[in-house]
Every structure is written in structure tokens, then in C-alpha cells.
Amino acid sequence: MTRGHGSTVDGILRRSARRTPARVAVEYGTRAWTYAELDDAVSRAAALLRAEGLGPGDRVAAYGHNSDACLIAFLACARAGLVHVPVNQSLTGDDLAYLVGQSGSALVLADPGLAPRLPEGVRVLPLRDTEDSLLGRLPDTPPYDGPEPRAEDLAQLLYTSGTTALPKGAMMTHRALVHAYLSAITALDLSAGDRPVHALPLYHSAQLHVFLLPYLAVGATNVILDAPDGDRLLDLVEAGRADSLFAPPTVWIGLAARPDFATRDLSGLRKAYYGASVMPVPVLERLRERLPGLAFYNCFGQSEIGPLATVLGPDEHQGRLDSCGRTVLFVDARVVDADGADVPDGTPGEIVYRSPQLCEGYWDKPEESAEAFRDGWFHSGDLAVRDADGYFTIVDRVKDVINSGGVLVASRQVEDALYTHEGVAEAAVVGLPDERWIEAVTAFVVPRGEVTEDRLIAHVKERLAPFKAPKRVHFVAELPRNASGKILKRELRDRFAG
């Protein structure tokens, strides 16, 4: 085997396997893998993929639910020099065909139950559960002994969540991801003694790249769950098998709303990470009141930067609950106006990044790549404010700011006001076309108990300037979300614009 410098994704696992070979690396269901066993499985899977006729740079899509097989597939692609393309397991039809086709994937690794959804003619290899699957064929496959990828090679096409447009494949190199892992380890205080549970979909960059891979780098024992099931999560905490949990606000909201949340023994939970979308401040306050000894970390970023850009640590929350913190180790950030000039501290502007964690652009989309990377900086599309101490607060997505009667309204501010009402379980605010107001501030609310439109509008007016209050409130059973928990405001606008 030709050896390189090891600045690769699979090199993360190889070093941990040599350092602590007998320690359990991953538990999934009834299976457990030591670091040595996991490293061996990855080498055999890499050899199997190359034996399928795949060569360096070929794209391999992964379409499966959370499992140890999903992790092995990603690391095997990295070791074999292939480009991994994670696919949201809930996608079907045209959305699924778009990702597989746009990436040019030569092979799809799929859970057997999901394979029938794939477009006709796509080459498929089962991920698990059958003798001819990737996992089933490992014992009969010799370990990989081919050349290592280079640090500058692509490791993954990380598709954006597509909340505002068709997903774009962010081209992530090995070097970018390794830098991102080190940033996560230092900013989030990850250590080998932690007992993390990974419940969000592994196709999503936050669970895979901010937590699972960095935790493998430090040598922790990782529990992988099929989904963020509240009963299972709380059982693991009470049993002492989990003390570290990452979840988006929608999961934390669900846990906090459980009748047994106030009575379960959750004293063993030491670290709580939240991100992927904005956490409503009133919800965070309730969580901190219920679990005063729990260390909360706010994680913010986006797919294109690996995806962690800023962190608000436990000792920084006091007085800054709405902040997403300061930049992590390998990220530089500015807040700029429409012309790209720095704005004064305290003034809203677009947050832009420069970092070795950044993607190389978007796969086969040169115009979008050029638009995102202007003047040497990546333009995030997030509207933010920076204070004199370097802390950032996300005001809104640039595209979600509402122009109501010529005055700009940040949807997040209105959402936070709604969340202070006891009758609001969840809320999303968008601007809908309006002849008088240009865009009318419109709230979509999942109610808790009895509540009326007039009461909620009056409630917001008591806390914000009257022009920021919703003109209309729609009560809905649930808010549309992608699998990572982000609210699909584009879908709300499209559905109710007429």
C-alpha cells in the first residue's frame, strides 16, 4: 500500500484503532465493534467496493437508515478513494432521482427495504440484512491494500438541505473534513470518556461530521440509534449508557414536552448539544431550568463548512441565550453589507466565512459556486450581528427576512415572542404576498391547548413593536421539516401564497 500523510477521513479511524484497539468503538442494536474490528471492517468494505469496478473519484450514493453499516460504508469510500454521497432516506420519486443523477453516482448502497424506491436502471448493492450485502460479504473479502487518497481529494458530496432551492452538492475534501473534526473536538470538549448517543440521521452532516467522526477520533464508545426515539434516549441516559446528546430544537422541544421529562432521572446527562436550526430562547430557558447542571452547547454552521462554524459554550450562555457563539478553531468570519464591506458591531449584515473547512464549491454548478465564493469569502446567506466581544447572533436567513410595508422584520424575533405563550407548541413565521404590506407577517402555529388568533397577535404586540406582530395566524397540526429538523419555510410560502 502506498502510504500518505494520513490527513484523510479514514486515517482518523486508523490512528484510533492503533491507539486503543480493544476499546468498543460503536454499538448498534445487538452488535458491537471494537476499534480494531471496525478498522478491519472498513478495509474489507473498501476492497469490496474497488472489486466492484469502482475507481478513484467515482461517486457512491448511500441510501439507508442509521446503522453501523452506514458508518462502515462512509469510511470505506474514504479509504478506497471514492466520493461518498449521503442521501436522505426519506427522499422518493423525483427528489431521489435528482440526487442520484446529479451526483453521477456509479453505485447506490441501499437498505434492502429502500432499494425499490430507486430509479430504474440504477446499480444497487444492499447495505445490510442480506448475505450478498456490503456487511454480509465482509468476512469473505480480504482487507484493502491499495493506494491511499490524498488530503486534497474529494471525500464527499454533501448536499445542502434544500430549504430554499434544489439541493447543491458541496464538494468536501479529506483535508476540509479533518480540519472540521479538530474544530469540533476543541470547541465542544469531546473526550474519550464521553458516552455519546447518535440518533439523528447519519446522512446529515451535523451528526456525522460534528459528532460521530470526531468522537471516533478521540476514542469514545458511540451508540448509534435508528432514530431519535424519546423512550430509547431517556432509557440510555437513566441506564448510564449515554451522557452526551446532540439534537435539533424540534427533538429537544419534544423531549421537554413529554409527561415523564420532569420525573425521569436524567442526572447522568452531562452534555447537551443543539443546532441544525435556531433554538427558541423560551424553550432553552425551560430546559436549563429543568436540568440546571447540564452543560449546553449551541452549534451553528452549514453544510458547506463541514458544518460547524460557531459554538456557544456552557459558560457563555448566561446573558447570551440568543447567540450562536464565537468562531471555532479553523473558521474566520465577518459581517458585511450588500457590497461586501464590513458593518459596525451591532449592525445586521450577511455573515461570510474563510476557512480550510470550506467546500471546494458545488458539484457541476459553476455559476452557483462563483456566486457563493465572492471576493475570497464564502457568502452564507445568514443575516447576523456581531458584538464587540466576537459573539455572533443569527437574526434570520437573508431570504427569510420579511419586508412588511417597507420595514424589515426578522422572523426569528417574532417566533421567539410566540414561544413565550403557553399555548404555542411550535411556531414558524414567514412573509406572504400582500397588496397593502408587500409581505404580511404570517405565523404558523402548532397549538398546545386552547388558543386563538387574536390572543396570539395581542401577545406578540405586548412584546414587540406592533408592526412586527403577525397579520394572520394559521393553526396547523405540524410544521413541514426536513430530516435534520429544519422548518421548510419555502414550503409554507408556496402552499399559502395563493
Protein backbone atom coordinates (compact mmCIF):
# COMPACT_ATOMS: atom_id res chain seq x y z
CA MET A 1 0.00 0.00 0.00
CA THR A 2 1.23 3.48 -0.86
CA ARG A 3 1.25 5.46 2.38
CA GLY A 4 0.50 9.16 2.51
CA HIS A 5 0.48 11.67 5.33
CA GLY A 6 -2.75 10.35 6.80
CA SER A 7 -4.67 13.65 6.63
CA THR A 8 -7.70 11.69 5.49
CA VAL A 9 -11.07 10.80 6.91
CA ASP A 10 -10.26 7.08 7.19
CA GLY A 11 -6.93 7.94 8.80
CA ILE A 12 -8.92 9.22 11.79
CA LEU A 13 -10.15 5.67 12.45
CA ARG A 14 -6.82 4.01 11.67
CA ARG A 15 -5.00 6.03 14.33
CA SER A 16 -7.65 5.34 16.98
CA ALA A 17 -7.54 1.62 16.16
CA ARG A 18 -3.80 1.54 16.73
CA ARG A 19 -4.07 3.56 19.92
CA THR A 20 -6.96 1.69 21.59
CA PRO A 21 -7.65 -1.47 19.52
CA ALA A 22 -9.69 -3.30 22.17
CA ARG A 23 -11.96 -0.41 23.17
CA VAL A 24 -15.52 -0.59 21.87
CA ALA A 25 -15.93 2.00 19.13
CA VAL A 26 -19.55 1.53 18.04
CA GLU A 27 -22.66 -0.17 19.38
CA TYR A 28 -25.69 -0.63 17.14
CA GLY A 29 -28.56 -2.89 18.16
CA THR A 30 -27.04 -6.17 19.33
CA ARG A 31 -23.72 -5.60 17.51
CA ALA A 32 -20.61 -4.02 18.98
CA TRP A 33 -17.35 -3.22 17.16
CA THR A 34 -14.02 -2.61 18.82
CA TYR A 35 -11.78 -0.05 17.16
CA ALA A 36 -9.65 -2.84 15.68
CA GLU A 37 -12.73 -4.66 14.38
CA LEU A 38 -14.21 -1.51 12.91
CA ASP A 39 -10.96 -0.62 11.16
CA ASP A 40 -10.72 -4.13 9.73
CA ALA A 41 -14.34 -3.99 8.52
CA VAL A 42 -13.69 -0.66 6.79
CA SER A 43 -10.64 -2.11 5.00
CA ARG A 44 -12.61 -5.14 3.81
CA ALA A 45 -15.51 -2.94 2.67
CA ALA A 46 -13.08 -0.67 0.78
CA ALA A 47 -11.64 -3.69 -1.02
CA LEU A 48 -15.15 -4.93 -1.83
CA LEU A 49 -16.11 -1.59 -3.39
CA ARG A 50 -12.96 -1.47 -5.50
CA ALA A 51 -13.63 -5.06 -6.59
CA GLU A 52 -16.99 -3.82 -7.92
CA GLY A 53 -15.01 -1.96 -10.57
CA LEU A 54 -15.11 1.46 -8.92
CA GLY A 55 -12.08 3.72 -9.25
CA PRO A 56 -10.74 6.87 -7.52
CA GLY A 57 -13.17 9.75 -7.73
CA ASP A 58 -16.21 7.62 -8.58
CA ARG A 59 -19.30 8.66 -6.66
CA VAL A 60 -21.11 6.16 -4.45
CA ALA A 61 -24.51 7.11 -3.04
CA ALA A 62 -25.61 5.81 0.37
CA TYR A 63 -29.36 5.47 0.91
CA GLY A 64 -30.12 3.88 4.24
CA HIS A 65 -31.38 4.35 7.76
CA ASN A 66 -28.94 4.76 10.63
CA SER A 67 -26.80 1.68 11.21
CA ASP A 68 -23.24 0.51 11.70
CA ALA A 69 -23.29 -0.42 8.01
CA CYS A 70 -23.87 3.24 7.06
CA LEU A 71 -20.80 4.29 9.03
CA ILE A 72 -18.66 1.49 7.57
CA ALA A 73 -19.78 2.43 4.05
CA PHE A 74 -18.73 6.07 4.51
CA LEU A 75 -15.32 5.19 5.91
CA ALA A 76 -14.80 2.50 3.26
CA CYS A 77 -15.47 5.00 0.48
CA ALA A 78 -12.95 7.35 2.07
CA ARG A 79 -10.30 4.62 2.33
CA ALA A 80 -10.84 3.45 -1.25
CA GLY A 81 -10.61 6.95 -2.73
CA LEU A 82 -14.29 7.04 -3.66
CA VAL A 83 -16.63 10.01 -3.18
CA HIS A 84 -19.43 9.30 -0.74
CA VAL A 85 -22.87 10.80 -1.49
CA PRO A 86 -25.19 10.61 1.53
CA VAL A 87 -28.88 10.60 0.57
CA ASN A 88 -31.79 11.49 2.83
CA GLN A 89 -33.55 8.18 3.48
CA SER A 90 -36.96 9.86 3.29
CA LEU A 91 -36.48 11.01 -0.31
CA THR A 92 -38.53 9.37 -3.05
CA GLY A 93 -39.50 9.99 -6.67
CA ASP A 94 -38.04 12.99 -8.47
CA ASP A 95 -36.13 14.24 -5.40
CA LEU A 96 -34.32 10.93 -5.05
CA ALA A 97 -33.66 10.64 -8.78
CA TYR A 98 -32.24 14.17 -8.81
CA LEU A 99 -29.58 13.47 -6.17
CA VAL A 100 -28.52 10.15 -7.67
CA GLY A 101 -28.47 11.58 -11.17
CA GLN A 102 -26.93 14.97 -10.44
CA SER A 103 -24.09 13.39 -8.46
CA GLY A 104 -23.42 10.87 -11.25
CA SER A 105 -23.31 8.05 -8.71
CA ALA A 106 -21.99 4.82 -10.24
CA LEU A 107 -23.40 2.70 -7.40
CA VAL A 108 -26.02 3.09 -4.69
CA LEU A 109 -25.54 1.36 -1.34
CA ALA A 110 -29.10 0.94 -0.11
CA ASP A 111 -31.05 -0.68 2.68
CA PRO A 112 -32.99 -3.54 1.05
CA GLY A 113 -36.30 -2.03 2.11
CA LEU A 114 -35.47 1.28 0.41
CA ALA A 115 -33.96 -0.08 -2.81
CA PRO A 116 -37.33 -0.37 -4.67
CA ARG A 117 -37.69 3.42 -4.46
CA LEU A 118 -34.58 3.99 -6.57
CA PRO A 119 -34.85 4.95 -10.25
CA GLU A 120 -34.93 2.10 -12.72
CA GLY A 121 -31.54 1.12 -14.06
CA VAL A 122 -29.55 2.32 -11.04
CA ARG A 123 -26.85 -0.12 -9.93
CA VAL A 124 -27.55 -1.17 -6.33
CA LEU A 125 -25.60 -3.04 -3.64
CA PRO A 126 -27.51 -3.84 -0.43
CA LEU A 127 -26.03 -2.24 2.66
CA ARG A 128 -27.06 -4.90 5.20
CA ASP A 129 -29.55 -7.59 6.23
CA THR A 130 -28.72 -10.00 3.38
CA GLU A 131 -25.85 -12.39 2.68
CA ASP A 132 -24.97 -10.54 -0.54
CA SER A 133 -24.91 -7.13 1.19
CA LEU A 134 -21.88 -5.00 1.91
CA LEU A 135 -21.95 -6.09 5.55
CA GLY A 136 -22.71 -9.73 4.72
CA ARG A 137 -19.79 -10.10 2.30
CA LEU A 138 -17.10 -8.67 4.59
CA PRO A 139 -15.88 -11.98 6.10
CA ASP A 140 -15.02 -13.35 2.64
CA THR A 141 -13.27 -10.19 1.43
CA PRO A 142 -9.55 -9.60 2.08
CA PRO A 143 -8.55 -6.19 3.52
CA TYR A 144 -7.89 -3.29 1.20
CA ASP A 145 -4.25 -2.85 0.19
CA GLY A 146 -4.49 -0.14 -2.45
CA PRO A 147 -3.24 3.44 -2.52
CA GLU A 148 -4.45 5.97 -0.01
CA PRO A 149 -6.39 9.03 -1.13
CA ARG A 150 -4.69 12.40 -0.90
CA ALA A 151 -5.75 15.12 1.52
CA GLU A 152 -6.93 17.29 -1.38
CA ASP A 153 -9.11 14.55 -2.90
CA LEU A 154 -12.89 14.75 -2.60
CA ALA A 155 -14.30 12.63 0.21
CA GLN A 156 -17.97 13.54 -0.01
CA LEU A 157 -20.61 15.43 -1.93
CA LEU A 158 -22.57 16.91 0.94
CA TYR A 159 -25.90 18.08 -0.42
CA THR A 160 -27.43 21.16 1.13
CA SER A 161 -30.76 20.77 2.86
CA GLY A 162 -32.63 22.43 0.02
CA THR A 163 -34.90 24.61 2.19
CA THR A 164 -34.87 27.43 -0.38
CA ALA A 165 -33.91 25.76 -3.69
CA LEU A 166 -32.79 22.48 -5.23
CA PRO A 167 -30.02 20.87 -3.16
CA LYS A 168 -26.44 21.57 -4.22
CA GLY A 169 -23.60 19.11 -3.67
CA ALA A 170 -20.92 20.79 -1.56
CA MET A 171 -17.57 19.25 -2.57
CA MET A 172 -15.84 18.31 0.68
CA THR A 173 -12.19 17.23 0.62
CA HIS A 174 -10.49 14.99 3.16
CA ARG A 175 -8.48 17.99 4.33
CA ALA A 176 -11.60 20.10 4.90
CA LEU A 177 -13.31 17.39 6.97
CA VAL A 178 -10.21 16.63 9.08
CA HIS A 179 -9.94 20.35 9.91
CA ALA A 180 -13.65 20.35 10.79
CA TYR A 181 -13.18 17.38 13.13
CA LEU A 182 -10.41 19.11 15.05
CA SER A 183 -12.53 22.26 15.34
CA ALA A 184 -15.40 20.20 16.76
CA ILE A 185 -13.20 18.35 19.25
CA THR A 186 -11.76 21.57 20.68
CA ALA A 187 -14.93 23.70 20.66
CA LEU A 188 -17.28 21.01 22.02
CA ASP A 189 -14.96 19.49 24.64
CA LEU A 190 -15.22 15.99 23.17
CA SER A 191 -13.25 13.33 25.02
CA ALA A 192 -12.72 9.56 25.09
CA GLY A 193 -14.56 9.33 28.40
CA ASP A 194 -17.81 10.68 26.98
CA ARG A 195 -20.67 8.28 26.19
CA PRO A 196 -22.35 9.86 23.15
CA VAL A 197 -25.54 8.63 21.55
CA HIS A 198 -26.08 9.39 17.85
CA ALA A 199 -29.77 9.49 16.97
CA LEU A 200 -30.07 11.96 14.11
CA PRO A 201 -29.77 10.64 10.54
CA LEU A 202 -26.15 9.90 9.64
CA TYR A 203 -26.70 11.25 6.14
CA HIS A 204 -26.88 14.65 7.87
CA SER A 205 -23.58 16.49 8.21
CA ALA A 206 -24.02 17.56 11.84
CA GLN A 207 -24.47 14.08 13.33
CA LEU A 208 -21.76 12.51 11.17
CA HIS A 209 -19.11 15.22 10.97
CA VAL A 210 -19.56 17.24 14.16
CA PHE A 211 -20.09 14.29 16.50
CA LEU A 212 -19.62 10.71 15.28
CA LEU A 213 -16.32 11.10 13.40
CA PRO A 214 -14.75 13.47 15.96
CA TYR A 215 -15.78 11.08 18.72
CA LEU A 216 -14.10 8.23 16.82
CA ALA A 217 -11.02 10.42 16.57
CA VAL A 218 -10.77 10.77 20.36
CA GLY A 219 -11.58 7.10 21.02
CA ALA A 220 -15.04 7.26 22.63
CA THR A 221 -17.64 4.48 22.64
CA ASN A 222 -20.52 5.51 20.38
CA VAL A 223 -24.12 4.29 20.46
CA ILE A 224 -25.97 4.59 17.13
CA LEU A 225 -29.77 4.62 17.18
CA ASP A 226 -32.13 4.19 14.23
CA ALA A 227 -33.91 7.44 15.09
CA PRO A 228 -34.29 9.98 17.93
CA ASP A 229 -36.81 7.90 19.86
CA GLY A 230 -37.58 9.65 23.14
CA ASP A 231 -38.12 6.47 25.16
CA ARG A 232 -34.86 4.95 23.97
CA LEU A 233 -32.88 8.13 24.56
CA LEU A 234 -34.11 8.60 28.12
CA ASP A 235 -33.64 4.88 28.87
CA LEU A 236 -29.99 5.08 27.77
CA VAL A 237 -29.41 8.12 29.98
CA GLU A 238 -31.03 6.50 33.02
CA ALA A 239 -29.03 3.30 32.45
CA GLY A 240 -25.76 5.25 32.39
CA ARG A 241 -25.03 4.31 28.77
CA ALA A 242 -25.35 7.85 27.39
CA ASP A 243 -24.22 11.15 28.83
CA SER A 244 -23.84 13.23 25.66
CA LEU A 245 -26.62 14.03 23.19
CA PHE A 246 -26.91 16.21 20.09
CA ALA A 247 -30.36 17.05 18.80
CA PRO A 248 -32.08 19.84 16.85
CA PRO A 249 -34.55 22.08 18.67
CA THR A 250 -37.50 20.02 17.41
CA VAL A 251 -36.21 16.96 19.32
CA TRP A 252 -35.42 18.95 22.48
CA ILE A 253 -38.90 20.50 22.29
CA GLY A 254 -40.39 17.01 22.02
CA LEU A 255 -38.37 15.72 24.97
CA ALA A 256 -39.28 18.71 27.13
CA ALA A 257 -42.99 18.22 26.32
CA ARG A 258 -43.01 14.57 27.46
CA PRO A 259 -45.06 13.96 30.63
CA ASP A 260 -42.17 11.98 32.16
CA PHE A 261 -39.49 14.56 31.37
CA ALA A 262 -39.92 16.10 34.82
CA THR A 263 -39.76 12.76 36.65
CA ARG A 264 -37.09 10.69 34.86
CA ASP A 265 -33.62 10.56 36.43
CA LEU A 266 -31.58 12.49 33.89
CA SER A 267 -28.75 13.43 36.23
CA GLY A 268 -26.36 11.29 34.18
CA LEU A 269 -26.74 13.56 31.13
CA ARG A 270 -23.69 15.84 31.18
CA LYS A 271 -23.52 17.46 27.73
CA ALA A 272 -26.42 18.72 25.62
CA TYR A 273 -25.71 19.95 22.11
CA TYR A 274 -28.29 21.71 20.00
CA GLY A 275 -28.19 23.06 16.46
CA ALA A 276 -29.27 22.43 12.84
CA SER A 277 -31.89 25.18 13.29
CA VAL A 278 -32.48 28.06 15.70
CA MET A 279 -33.41 27.12 19.26
CA PRO A 280 -36.25 29.32 20.58
CA VAL A 281 -34.95 31.12 23.65
CA PRO A 282 -38.05 30.33 25.79
CA VAL A 283 -37.56 26.61 25.10
CA LEU A 284 -33.88 26.80 26.07
CA GLU A 285 -34.80 28.59 29.28
CA ARG A 286 -37.23 25.79 30.22
CA LEU A 287 -34.61 23.12 29.53
CA ARG A 288 -31.96 24.90 31.60
CA GLU A 289 -34.42 25.32 34.47
CA ARG A 290 -35.29 21.60 34.42
CA LEU A 291 -31.63 20.46 34.14
CA PRO A 292 -29.54 23.17 35.82
CA GLY A 293 -26.39 21.02 35.96
CA LEU A 294 -26.41 20.16 32.26
CA ALA A 295 -23.80 21.78 30.01
CA PHE A 296 -25.48 23.24 26.93
CA TYR A 297 -23.62 23.94 23.68
CA ASN A 298 -25.14 25.86 20.76
CA CYS A 299 -23.69 24.58 17.46
CA PHE A 300 -24.12 26.72 14.36
CA GLY A 301 -22.98 26.46 10.77
CA GLN A 302 -23.98 24.97 7.44
CA SER A 303 -23.17 22.06 5.19
CA GLU A 304 -20.60 23.97 3.16
CA ILE A 305 -18.29 24.49 6.15
CA GLY A 306 -18.27 20.96 7.46
CA PRO A 307 -20.77 22.10 9.06
CA LEU A 308 -19.58 23.72 12.33
CA ALA A 309 -18.74 27.46 12.22
CA THR A 310 -19.50 28.84 15.69
CA VAL A 311 -20.15 27.47 19.18
CA LEU A 312 -21.65 28.99 22.30
CA GLY A 313 -20.20 27.05 25.22
CA PRO A 314 -21.81 26.27 28.58
CA ASP A 315 -20.02 29.09 30.42
CA GLU A 316 -21.06 31.58 27.75
CA HIS A 317 -24.83 31.08 27.83
CA GLN A 318 -25.58 33.45 30.70
CA GLY A 319 -26.94 36.64 29.18
CA ARG A 320 -26.39 35.37 25.64
CA LEU A 321 -29.10 32.74 25.11
CA ASP A 322 -29.87 34.06 21.63
CA SER A 323 -26.22 33.96 20.50
CA CYS A 324 -24.62 31.19 18.45
CA GLY A 325 -21.23 31.95 20.00
CA ARG A 326 -17.81 32.62 18.55
CA THR A 327 -15.99 31.05 15.64
CA VAL A 328 -14.33 27.65 16.08
CA LEU A 329 -10.63 26.95 15.68
CA PHE A 330 -10.30 26.95 11.88
CA VAL A 331 -13.02 29.46 10.94
CA ASP A 332 -12.73 33.18 10.27
CA ALA A 333 -15.95 35.18 9.90
CA ARG A 334 -17.05 38.73 9.08
CA VAL A 335 -20.39 40.53 8.88
CA VAL A 336 -20.77 42.52 5.67
CA ASP A 337 -23.23 44.67 3.77
CA ALA A 338 -24.54 44.06 0.24
CA ASP A 339 -21.29 45.46 -1.21
CA GLY A 340 -19.09 43.14 0.87
CA ALA A 341 -17.87 45.87 3.26
CA ASP A 342 -17.65 45.22 6.99
CA VAL A 343 -20.53 46.64 9.02
CA PRO A 344 -20.04 48.06 12.54
CA ASP A 345 -20.52 45.74 15.50
CA GLY A 346 -24.19 45.57 16.43
CA THR A 347 -25.33 46.11 12.85
CA PRO A 348 -27.06 43.29 10.93
CA GLY A 349 -25.34 42.01 7.81
CA GLU A 350 -24.53 38.79 6.00
CA ILE A 351 -22.04 36.53 7.73
CA VAL A 352 -19.22 35.39 5.41
CA TYR A 353 -16.52 32.79 6.06
CA ARG A 354 -12.96 31.91 5.15
CA SER A 355 -11.74 28.53 6.38
CA PRO A 356 -9.86 25.33 5.43
CA GLN A 357 -13.10 23.57 6.44
CA LEU A 358 -14.97 25.05 3.47
CA CYS A 359 -16.09 23.05 0.48
CA GLU A 360 -14.42 23.50 -2.90
CA GLY A 361 -17.66 24.69 -4.47
CA TYR A 362 -20.81 22.95 -5.70
CA TRP A 363 -20.68 19.81 -7.83
CA ASP A 364 -21.26 20.63 -11.50
CA LYS A 365 -22.67 24.08 -10.65
CA PRO A 366 -20.01 26.65 -11.61
CA GLU A 367 -22.34 29.65 -11.56
CA GLU A 368 -23.67 28.89 -8.07
CA SER A 369 -20.11 28.25 -6.88
CA ALA A 370 -18.90 31.60 -8.20
CA GLU A 371 -21.86 33.37 -6.60
CA ALA A 372 -21.21 31.78 -3.18
CA PHE A 373 -17.45 32.39 -3.21
CA ARG A 374 -17.09 36.10 -3.91
CA ASP A 375 -14.06 38.23 -3.11
CA GLY A 376 -12.32 35.28 -1.46
CA TRP A 377 -15.07 34.70 1.10
CA PHE A 378 -17.97 32.24 1.26
CA HIS A 379 -21.32 34.04 1.48
CA SER A 380 -23.55 32.09 3.87
CA GLY A 381 -26.95 33.65 3.25
CA ASP A 382 -27.38 34.14 7.02
CA LEU A 383 -28.16 37.56 8.46
CA ALA A 384 -26.14 38.07 11.65
CA VAL A 385 -24.98 40.61 14.21
CA ARG A 386 -21.50 40.54 15.79
CA ASP A 387 -20.78 42.20 19.13
CA ALA A 388 -17.54 43.76 20.36
CA ASP A 389 -16.50 40.52 22.09
CA GLY A 390 -16.74 38.47 18.89
CA TYR A 391 -20.06 36.76 19.62
CA PHE A 392 -22.46 36.27 16.72
CA THR A 393 -26.26 36.27 16.83
CA ILE A 394 -28.17 34.96 13.83
CA VAL A 395 -31.02 37.29 13.00
CA ASP A 396 -32.51 35.32 10.12
CA ARG A 397 -31.78 33.77 6.78
CA VAL A 398 -31.34 36.63 4.32
CA LYS A 399 -34.15 35.15 2.22
CA ASP A 400 -36.46 34.84 5.24
CA VAL A 401 -36.38 38.48 6.31
CA ILE A 402 -39.87 39.92 5.82
CA ASN A 403 -40.43 43.24 4.05
CA SER A 404 -43.64 44.44 5.69
CA GLY A 405 -44.75 47.84 4.43
CA GLY A 406 -41.15 48.73 3.58
CA VAL A 407 -39.87 47.81 7.06
CA LEU A 408 -37.73 44.71 7.54
CA VAL A 409 -38.91 42.20 10.16
CA ALA A 410 -36.79 39.27 11.35
CA SER A 411 -38.94 36.15 11.54
CA ARG A 412 -36.91 34.70 14.42
CA GLN A 413 -37.77 37.62 16.70
CA VAL A 414 -41.49 37.09 16.12
CA GLU A 415 -41.12 33.33 16.64
CA ASP A 416 -39.38 33.86 19.99
CA ALA A 417 -42.25 36.12 21.10
CA LEU A 418 -44.79 33.46 20.14
CA TYR A 419 -42.90 30.76 22.05
CA THR A 420 -43.39 32.68 25.29
CA HIS A 421 -47.12 31.92 25.10
CA GLU A 422 -48.09 28.71 26.87
CA GLY A 423 -50.50 27.81 24.08
CA VAL A 424 -47.73 27.55 21.45
CA ALA A 425 -46.02 24.20 20.99
CA GLU A 426 -44.18 25.18 17.79
CA ALA A 427 -44.14 28.24 15.56
CA ALA A 428 -42.79 29.43 12.21
CA VAL A 429 -43.14 32.92 10.76
CA VAL A 430 -42.90 33.83 7.07
CA GLY A 431 -43.83 36.71 4.80
CA LEU A 432 -46.70 36.10 2.39
CA PRO A 433 -47.53 38.36 -0.57
CA ASP A 434 -49.91 41.16 0.37
CA GLU A 435 -51.24 44.08 -1.70
CA ARG A 436 -51.04 46.51 1.19
CA TRP A 437 -47.99 45.32 3.14
CA ILE A 438 -45.86 43.89 0.27
CA GLU A 439 -45.35 40.94 2.60
CA ALA A 440 -47.66 40.21 5.51
CA VAL A 441 -46.06 38.79 8.66
CA THR A 442 -47.77 35.40 8.90
CA ALA A 443 -47.43 32.86 11.71
CA PHE A 444 -47.96 29.11 11.53
CA VAL A 445 -48.57 27.64 14.96
CA VAL A 446 -48.87 24.13 16.31
CA PRO A 447 -51.15 24.83 19.30
CA ARG A 448 -50.96 23.40 22.79
CA GLY A 449 -54.43 23.51 24.32
CA GLU A 450 -56.95 26.26 23.60
CA VAL A 451 -55.59 29.41 21.96
CA THR A 452 -56.97 31.90 19.43
CA GLU A 453 -55.51 34.01 16.64
CA ASP A 454 -56.47 37.28 18.33
CA ARG A 455 -54.91 36.23 21.60
CA LEU A 456 -51.58 35.34 19.97
CA ILE A 457 -51.44 38.56 17.95
CA ALA A 458 -52.12 40.59 21.10
CA HIS A 459 -49.47 38.59 22.96
CA VAL A 460 -46.81 39.48 20.37
CA LYS A 461 -47.83 43.16 20.38
CA GLU A 462 -47.21 43.27 24.12
CA ARG A 463 -43.57 42.22 23.49
CA LEU A 464 -42.67 43.73 20.13
CA ALA A 465 -43.46 46.80 18.08
CA PRO A 466 -46.99 46.41 16.66
CA PHE A 467 -45.78 46.33 13.02
CA LYS A 468 -43.84 43.14 13.83
CA ALA A 469 -46.90 41.26 15.06
CA PRO A 470 -48.47 38.67 12.73
CA LYS A 471 -51.22 39.93 10.48
CA ARG A 472 -52.55 36.36 10.35
CA VAL A 473 -52.09 33.16 12.34
CA HIS A 474 -52.67 29.73 10.79
CA PHE A 475 -53.08 26.78 13.17
CA VAL A 476 -51.57 23.56 11.81
CA ALA A 477 -51.10 20.02 13.11
CA GLU A 478 -47.39 20.05 12.29
CA LEU A 479 -44.75 22.15 10.55
CA PRO A 480 -43.03 20.84 7.42
CA ARG A 481 -39.44 19.85 8.18
CA ASN A 482 -36.58 18.09 6.54
CA ALA A 483 -34.99 15.09 8.28
CA SER A 484 -32.48 17.30 10.10
CA GLY A 485 -35.27 19.23 11.80
CA LYS A 486 -35.12 22.44 9.77
CA ILE A 487 -38.50 24.02 9.10
CA LEU A 488 -39.20 24.23 5.38
CA LYS A 489 -40.39 27.82 5.20
CA ARG A 490 -40.27 27.71 1.41
CA GLU A 491 -42.97 25.03 1.55
CA LEU A 492 -45.14 27.17 3.80
CA ARG A 493 -44.77 30.16 1.47
CA ASP A 494 -45.53 28.07 -1.61
CA ARG A 495 -48.54 26.37 -0.03
CA PHE A 496 -50.21 29.50 1.35
CA ALA A 497 -49.07 32.24 -1.05
CA GLY A 498 -52.23 31.97 -3.12
